[in-house]
């Protein structure tokens, strides 16, 4: 997910997307522990996506507090 796509989401959509991505990461980790994933790099990509989403959410919170 690109930063430009993340900026277009509403705050509510950001929170939902964060929850979905965290649940996906947990499922991927469990599946990877049982049998190796076809592409284990997806774990890192998912973690980075979560970080991008949380960063955007936090920057929105800070900009609201400044106002």
Protein backbone atom coordinates (compact mmCIF):
# COMPACT_ATOMS: atom_id res chain seq x y z
CA UNK A 1 0.00 0.00 0.00
CA UNK A 2 1.43 3.35 -1.02
CA UNK A 3 1.51 6.47 1.11
CA UNK A 4 -0.65 8.32 -1.41
CA UNK A 5 -3.32 5.63 -1.06
CA UNK A 6 -3.13 5.84 2.72
CA UNK A 7 -3.58 9.63 2.75
CA UNK A 8 -6.80 9.27 0.75
CA UNK A 9 -8.42 7.11 3.44
CA UNK A 10 -10.63 8.61 6.10
CA UNK A 11 -9.66 8.29 9.76
CA UNK A 12 -12.33 5.64 10.32
CA UNK A 13 -11.06 3.66 7.33
CA UNK A 14 -7.51 3.94 8.66
CA UNK A 15 -8.49 2.42 11.99
CA UNK A 16 -10.36 -0.42 10.25
CA UNK A 17 -7.43 -1.05 7.91
CA UNK A 18 -5.00 -1.18 10.85
CA UNK A 19 -7.18 -3.78 12.60
CA UNK A 20 -7.47 -5.84 9.41
CA UNK A 21 -3.74 -5.74 8.74
CA UNK A 22 -2.90 -6.73 12.33
CA UNK A 23 -5.28 -9.69 12.11
CA UNK A 24 -3.75 -10.67 8.76
CA UNK A 25 -0.25 -10.52 10.26
CA UNK A 26 -1.26 -12.81 13.14
CA UNK A 27 -2.80 -15.33 10.71
CA UNK A 28 0.26 -15.20 8.49
CA UNK A 29 2.60 -15.78 11.44
CA UNK A 30 0.57 -18.77 12.61
CA UNK A 31 0.45 -20.24 9.12
CA UNK A 32 4.17 -19.68 8.71
CA UNK A 33 4.87 -21.51 11.97
CA UNK A 34 2.88 -24.54 10.81
CA UNK A 35 4.09 -24.63 7.23
CA UNK A 36 6.41 -22.15 5.51
CA UNK A 37 4.76 -19.39 3.54
CA UNK A 38 5.27 -19.30 -0.20
CA UNK A 39 6.69 -15.79 0.14
CA UNK A 40 7.91 -15.01 3.68
CA UNK A 41 8.71 -11.43 2.63
CA UNK A 42 4.97 -10.76 2.88
CA UNK A 43 5.39 -10.72 6.68
CA UNK A 44 7.74 -7.75 6.44
CA UNK A 45 5.56 -5.99 3.89
CA UNK A 46 2.53 -6.35 6.15
CA UNK A 47 4.46 -4.98 9.13
CA UNK A 48 5.58 -1.98 7.08
CA UNK A 49 2.01 -1.37 5.91
CA UNK A 50 0.83 -1.35 9.52
CA UNK A 51 3.59 1.11 10.43
CA UNK A 52 2.61 3.41 7.55
CA UNK A 53 -1.04 3.34 8.60
CA UNK A 54 -0.26 4.03 12.25
CA UNK A 55 2.09 6.87 11.28
CA UNK A 56 -0.58 8.54 9.17
CA UNK A 57 -3.15 8.14 11.94
CA UNK A 58 -0.76 9.66 14.47
CA UNK A 59 0.10 12.59 12.22
CA UNK A 60 -3.61 13.33 11.83
CA UNK A 61 -4.06 13.26 15.61
CA UNK A 62 -1.18 15.67 16.07
CA UNK A 63 -2.44 18.06 13.41
CA UNK A 64 -5.89 18.09 15.05
CA UNK A 65 -4.33 18.90 18.42
CA UNK A 66 -2.42 21.83 16.95
CA UNK A 67 -5.64 23.44 15.77
